[in-house]
N, C-alpha and C. Protein backbone atom coordinates (compact mmCIF):
# COMPACT_ATOMS: atom_id res chain seq x y z
N MET A 1 144.65 -30.47 -229.78
CA MET A 1 145.14 -30.52 -230.89
C MET A 1 146.65 -29.56 -231.59
N LYS A 2 147.65 -29.84 -231.80
CA LYS A 2 148.52 -29.10 -231.99
C LYS A 2 148.38 -28.51 -233.26
N VAL A 3 148.48 -27.44 -233.68
CA VAL A 3 148.47 -26.93 -234.98
C VAL A 3 149.78 -26.28 -235.34
N GLU A 4 150.33 -26.53 -236.34
CA GLU A 4 151.62 -26.01 -236.68
C GLU A 4 151.49 -24.74 -236.99
N ARG A 5 152.54 -23.54 -236.70
CA ARG A 5 152.29 -22.10 -237.17
C ARG A 5 153.11 -21.97 -238.46
N PRO A 6 152.31 -21.22 -239.18
CA PRO A 6 153.12 -20.91 -240.68
C PRO A 6 154.38 -20.12 -240.32
N LEU A 7 155.35 -20.03 -241.23
CA LEU A 7 156.53 -19.15 -240.99
C LEU A 7 156.08 -17.45 -241.01
N VAL A 8 155.22 -17.27 -241.90
CA VAL A 8 154.46 -15.73 -241.86
C VAL A 8 153.87 -15.38 -240.54
N LEU A 9 153.07 -16.12 -239.76
CA LEU A 9 152.99 -15.90 -238.49
C LEU A 9 153.68 -15.68 -237.70
N SER A 10 154.85 -16.70 -237.59
CA SER A 10 155.91 -16.62 -236.72
C SER A 10 156.64 -15.35 -236.74
N ILE A 11 157.03 -14.96 -237.99
CA ILE A 11 157.68 -13.61 -238.17
C ILE A 11 156.95 -12.67 -237.82
N LEU A 12 155.43 -12.46 -238.04
CA LEU A 12 154.65 -11.45 -237.71
C LEU A 12 154.61 -11.12 -236.24
N CYS A 13 154.60 -12.57 -235.46
CA CYS A 13 154.33 -12.45 -234.13
C CYS A 13 155.79 -11.93 -233.34
N VAL A 14 156.82 -12.32 -233.70
CA VAL A 14 158.40 -11.67 -233.34
C VAL A 14 158.38 -10.25 -233.40
N VAL A 15 157.75 -9.64 -234.73
CA VAL A 15 157.84 -8.29 -235.10
C VAL A 15 157.02 -7.76 -233.82
N VAL A 16 155.67 -8.17 -233.71
CA VAL A 16 154.61 -7.65 -232.96
C VAL A 16 155.14 -7.44 -231.48
N PHE A 17 155.66 -8.48 -231.29
CA PHE A 17 156.37 -8.71 -229.75
C PHE A 17 157.09 -7.76 -229.38
N LEU A 18 158.20 -7.34 -230.32
CA LEU A 18 159.16 -6.67 -230.12
C LEU A 18 158.83 -5.03 -230.59
N SER A 19 157.94 -4.52 -231.50
CA SER A 19 157.22 -3.29 -231.67
C SER A 19 156.51 -2.78 -230.80
N VAL A 20 155.67 -3.57 -229.99
CA VAL A 20 154.67 -2.91 -229.23
C VAL A 20 154.86 -2.65 -228.17
N PRO A 21 156.05 -3.19 -227.27
CA PRO A 21 156.69 -2.75 -226.12
C PRO A 21 157.34 -1.59 -226.46
N THR A 22 158.09 -1.58 -227.54
CA THR A 22 158.92 -0.43 -227.88
C THR A 22 158.00 0.83 -228.18
N ALA A 23 156.81 0.77 -228.86
CA ALA A 23 156.11 1.94 -229.22
C ALA A 23 154.97 2.31 -227.64
N ALA A 24 154.88 1.40 -226.86
CA ALA A 24 154.40 1.79 -225.52
C ALA A 24 155.46 2.34 -224.75
N ILE A 25 156.47 1.85 -224.70
CA ILE A 25 157.51 2.54 -223.68
C ILE A 25 158.21 4.29 -224.56
N SER A 26 157.80 4.08 -225.77
CA SER A 26 158.15 5.60 -226.27
C SER A 26 157.24 6.70 -225.99
N ALA A 27 155.81 6.09 -226.21
CA ALA A 27 154.79 6.92 -225.78
C ALA A 27 154.86 7.47 -224.24
N ALA A 28 155.33 6.45 -223.42
CA ALA A 28 155.26 6.63 -222.07
C ALA A 28 156.52 7.87 -221.93
N LEU A 29 157.31 7.84 -222.42
CA LEU A 29 158.67 8.50 -222.28
C LEU A 29 158.30 9.83 -222.78
N ARG A 30 157.39 9.97 -223.95
CA ARG A 30 157.04 11.32 -224.35
C ARG A 30 155.87 11.97 -223.39
N HIS A 31 154.92 11.22 -222.65
CA HIS A 31 154.05 11.80 -221.84
C HIS A 31 153.09 12.21 -222.99
N ALA A 32 152.82 11.56 -223.89
CA ALA A 32 151.70 11.85 -224.93
C ALA A 32 150.05 11.91 -224.38
N GLY A 33 149.84 13.15 -224.58
CA GLY A 33 148.28 13.12 -224.09
C GLY A 33 148.33 13.06 -222.56
N SER A 34 147.13 12.95 -222.00
CA SER A 34 147.07 13.21 -220.48
C SER A 34 147.30 11.94 -220.06
N PRO A 35 147.28 11.81 -218.59
CA PRO A 35 147.65 10.50 -218.03
C PRO A 35 146.82 9.31 -218.25
N LEU A 36 145.33 9.69 -218.47
CA LEU A 36 144.47 8.55 -218.40
C LEU A 36 144.58 7.87 -220.09
N GLN A 37 144.79 9.01 -221.07
CA GLN A 37 145.03 8.58 -222.13
C GLN A 37 146.26 7.54 -222.28
N LEU A 38 147.38 7.94 -221.75
CA LEU A 38 148.68 7.02 -221.36
C LEU A 38 148.15 5.78 -220.77
N ALA A 39 147.62 5.76 -219.65
CA ALA A 39 147.23 4.31 -219.12
C ALA A 39 146.25 3.73 -220.29
N LEU A 40 145.35 4.21 -220.67
CA LEU A 40 144.70 3.51 -221.71
C LEU A 40 145.15 2.90 -222.76
N GLY A 41 146.18 3.80 -223.34
CA GLY A 41 147.26 3.07 -224.47
C GLY A 41 148.14 2.10 -223.92
N LEU A 42 148.62 2.01 -222.69
CA LEU A 42 149.31 1.34 -222.01
C LEU A 42 148.62 -0.32 -221.88
N ALA A 43 147.44 -0.35 -221.76
CA ALA A 43 146.48 -1.25 -221.37
C ALA A 43 146.28 -1.65 -222.53
N GLY A 44 145.54 -0.89 -223.84
CA GLY A 44 145.36 -1.75 -225.15
C GLY A 44 146.60 -2.32 -225.67
N SER A 45 147.86 -1.64 -225.45
CA SER A 45 149.26 -2.32 -225.91
C SER A 45 149.39 -3.69 -225.12
N ALA A 46 148.97 -3.57 -223.96
CA ALA A 46 149.04 -5.21 -223.26
C ALA A 46 147.84 -6.06 -223.64
N ALA A 47 147.06 -5.39 -224.08
CA ALA A 47 145.93 -6.56 -224.79
C ALA A 47 146.48 -6.95 -226.20
N ALA A 48 147.02 -5.98 -226.75
CA ALA A 48 147.41 -6.43 -228.10
C ALA A 48 148.55 -7.51 -227.97
N LEU A 49 149.40 -7.27 -227.11
CA LEU A 49 150.43 -8.52 -226.85
C LEU A 49 149.73 -9.57 -226.24
N ALA A 50 148.82 -9.73 -225.50
CA ALA A 50 147.80 -11.09 -225.34
C ALA A 50 147.41 -11.58 -226.46
N GLY A 51 146.73 -10.98 -227.27
CA GLY A 51 146.13 -11.12 -228.62
C GLY A 51 147.01 -12.02 -229.22
N PHE A 52 148.41 -11.43 -229.59
CA PHE A 52 149.35 -12.17 -230.28
C PHE A 52 149.90 -13.32 -229.60
N ALA A 53 149.93 -13.37 -228.29
CA ALA A 53 150.35 -14.52 -227.58
C ALA A 53 149.47 -15.73 -228.20
N GLY A 54 147.96 -15.26 -228.36
CA GLY A 54 147.08 -16.23 -228.78
C GLY A 54 147.35 -16.66 -230.16
N VAL A 55 147.69 -15.59 -231.15
CA VAL A 55 148.16 -15.79 -232.31
C VAL A 55 149.37 -17.01 -232.40
N TRP A 56 150.44 -16.50 -231.77
CA TRP A 56 151.76 -17.55 -231.49
C TRP A 56 151.10 -19.07 -231.22
N LEU A 57 150.21 -18.93 -230.18
CA LEU A 57 149.44 -20.58 -230.01
C LEU A 57 148.88 -21.17 -230.90
N MET A 58 148.57 -20.45 -232.21
CA MET A 58 147.49 -20.59 -233.29
C MET A 58 146.28 -20.71 -232.26
N ARG A 59 145.40 -19.97 -231.73
CA ARG A 59 144.13 -19.82 -231.21
C ARG A 59 143.28 -18.65 -231.90
N ARG A 60 142.27 -19.09 -232.38
CA ARG A 60 141.29 -18.08 -232.65
C ARG A 60 141.03 -17.00 -231.71
N TRP A 61 141.04 -17.01 -230.62
CA TRP A 61 140.52 -16.11 -229.93
C TRP A 61 141.75 -15.06 -229.46
N GLY A 62 143.01 -15.24 -230.53
CA GLY A 62 143.84 -14.31 -230.17
C GLY A 62 143.88 -13.20 -231.23
N VAL A 63 143.08 -13.53 -232.24
CA VAL A 63 142.85 -12.88 -233.50
C VAL A 63 141.85 -11.91 -232.99
N TRP A 64 140.83 -12.36 -232.23
CA TRP A 64 139.58 -11.47 -231.78
C TRP A 64 140.06 -10.16 -230.51
N VAL A 65 141.14 -11.10 -229.79
CA VAL A 65 141.64 -9.86 -228.64
C VAL A 65 142.62 -8.87 -229.54
N TYR A 66 143.26 -9.34 -230.53
CA TYR A 66 144.22 -8.00 -231.16
C TYR A 66 143.43 -7.38 -231.92
N ALA A 67 142.29 -7.70 -232.55
CA ALA A 67 141.04 -6.66 -233.17
C ALA A 67 140.39 -5.96 -232.31
N VAL A 68 140.07 -6.52 -231.30
CA VAL A 68 139.49 -5.19 -230.05
C VAL A 68 140.27 -4.35 -229.78
N ALA A 69 141.81 -4.97 -229.30
CA ALA A 69 142.77 -4.05 -228.62
C ALA A 69 143.23 -2.98 -229.65
N VAL A 70 143.21 -3.06 -230.95
CA VAL A 70 143.64 -2.07 -231.91
C VAL A 70 142.48 -1.15 -232.03
N SER A 71 141.45 -1.84 -231.88
CA SER A 71 140.06 -1.03 -232.23
C SER A 71 140.32 0.09 -230.90
N PHE A 72 140.43 -0.25 -229.89
CA PHE A 72 140.64 0.62 -228.91
C PHE A 72 141.90 1.59 -228.85
N ASN A 73 143.01 1.10 -229.09
CA ASN A 73 144.03 2.10 -229.45
C ASN A 73 143.91 3.11 -230.33
N VAL A 74 143.20 2.59 -231.51
CA VAL A 74 143.23 3.63 -232.45
C VAL A 74 141.78 4.48 -232.18
N ALA A 75 140.93 4.12 -231.21
CA ALA A 75 139.87 5.24 -230.88
C ALA A 75 140.58 6.10 -230.27
N ILE A 76 141.47 5.55 -229.21
CA ILE A 76 142.02 6.67 -228.00
C ILE A 76 142.95 7.64 -228.78
N LEU A 77 143.58 7.03 -229.73
CA LEU A 77 144.57 8.04 -230.75
C LEU A 77 143.30 9.10 -231.82
N ALA A 78 142.36 8.42 -231.97
CA ALA A 78 141.17 9.17 -232.55
C ALA A 78 140.73 10.51 -232.05
N SER A 79 140.26 10.28 -230.59
CA SER A 79 139.78 10.88 -229.56
C SER A 79 140.89 12.02 -229.41
N SER A 80 142.31 11.89 -229.17
CA SER A 80 143.21 12.75 -228.80
C SER A 80 143.64 13.62 -230.05
N GLY A 81 143.15 13.40 -231.07
CA GLY A 81 143.50 13.86 -232.38
C GLY A 81 144.83 13.56 -233.05
N GLY A 82 145.60 12.43 -232.62
CA GLY A 82 146.85 12.22 -233.11
C GLY A 82 146.72 10.75 -234.07
N ALA A 83 145.57 10.69 -234.57
CA ALA A 83 145.68 9.34 -235.49
C ALA A 83 146.06 9.91 -236.97
N ARG A 84 146.97 9.12 -237.41
CA ARG A 84 147.45 9.48 -238.79
C ARG A 84 146.97 7.79 -239.79
N TRP A 85 147.37 7.92 -240.93
CA TRP A 85 146.95 6.84 -242.07
C TRP A 85 147.79 5.38 -241.43
N PRO A 86 148.95 5.58 -240.62
CA PRO A 86 149.72 4.58 -240.33
C PRO A 86 149.21 3.67 -239.36
N HIS A 87 148.40 4.61 -238.76
CA HIS A 87 147.57 3.91 -237.35
C HIS A 87 146.32 3.21 -237.89
N PHE A 88 146.03 3.33 -238.70
CA PHE A 88 145.26 2.35 -239.53
C PHE A 88 145.39 1.37 -240.61
N ALA A 89 146.63 1.94 -241.44
CA ALA A 89 146.94 0.78 -242.26
C ALA A 89 147.79 -0.39 -241.97
N VAL A 90 148.68 -0.40 -240.85
CA VAL A 90 149.35 -1.20 -240.30
C VAL A 90 148.38 -2.21 -239.69
N PRO A 91 147.37 -1.70 -238.75
CA PRO A 91 146.51 -2.98 -238.33
C PRO A 91 145.59 -3.65 -239.32
N ILE A 92 145.35 -3.03 -240.44
CA ILE A 92 144.60 -3.52 -241.27
C ILE A 92 145.33 -4.63 -241.95
N GLY A 93 146.80 -4.09 -242.37
CA GLY A 93 147.51 -5.23 -243.23
C GLY A 93 147.71 -6.41 -241.93
N ILE A 94 147.97 -6.03 -240.84
CA ILE A 94 148.07 -7.42 -239.90
C ILE A 94 146.88 -8.17 -240.05
N MET A 95 145.68 -7.58 -239.70
CA MET A 95 144.54 -8.58 -239.44
C MET A 95 144.30 -9.10 -241.00
N ALA A 96 144.58 -8.53 -241.87
CA ALA A 96 144.57 -9.37 -243.35
C ALA A 96 145.32 -10.45 -242.88
N VAL A 97 146.14 -10.51 -242.73
CA VAL A 97 147.26 -11.70 -242.83
C VAL A 97 146.69 -12.60 -241.53
N LEU A 98 145.98 -12.05 -240.69
CA LEU A 98 145.70 -13.09 -239.48
C LEU A 98 144.30 -13.70 -239.84
N LEU A 99 143.63 -12.82 -240.59
CA LEU A 99 142.03 -13.55 -241.21
C LEU A 99 142.51 -14.76 -242.27
N PHE A 100 143.52 -14.41 -243.05
CA PHE A 100 143.90 -15.46 -243.89
C PHE A 100 144.23 -16.71 -243.36
N TYR A 101 145.06 -16.72 -242.28
CA TYR A 101 145.01 -17.96 -241.62
C TYR A 101 144.30 -18.36 -240.37
N TYR A 102 143.17 -17.51 -240.33
CA TYR A 102 142.22 -17.88 -239.13
C TYR A 102 141.56 -19.22 -239.51
N GLY A 103 141.63 -20.02 -240.40
CA GLY A 103 140.87 -20.96 -240.58
C GLY A 103 141.73 -22.10 -240.29
N ARG A 104 143.23 -22.12 -240.33
CA ARG A 104 144.16 -22.98 -239.65
C ARG A 104 144.05 -22.75 -238.38
N MET A 105 143.52 -22.10 -237.77
CA MET A 105 143.71 -21.98 -235.86
C MET A 105 142.80 -22.59 -235.22
N ALA A 106 143.12 -23.20 -234.32
CA ALA A 106 142.19 -24.09 -233.30
C ALA A 106 141.34 -23.24 -232.51
């Protein structure tokens, strides 16, 4: 069953598709934290992109994958002492939008 993607989700997907790789490359260039934290952060970023690929396809699993990936990334930031309020506020706002459209997803 083909579900039409709302414009808000299309815009959100494009923003995430552009910002997550940019943030991951920026973190890699700065060598923030230990190599293990860097590898886990990059894996979490890849999972977030996979989740948003599901959102782009209007699949509910994409919301869950994104939620797990963001929780994973925030936990890594918190363990390294680098978590600040935007690290929580932005994903919470994104999740609010995703949950609003969750019922329309297949």
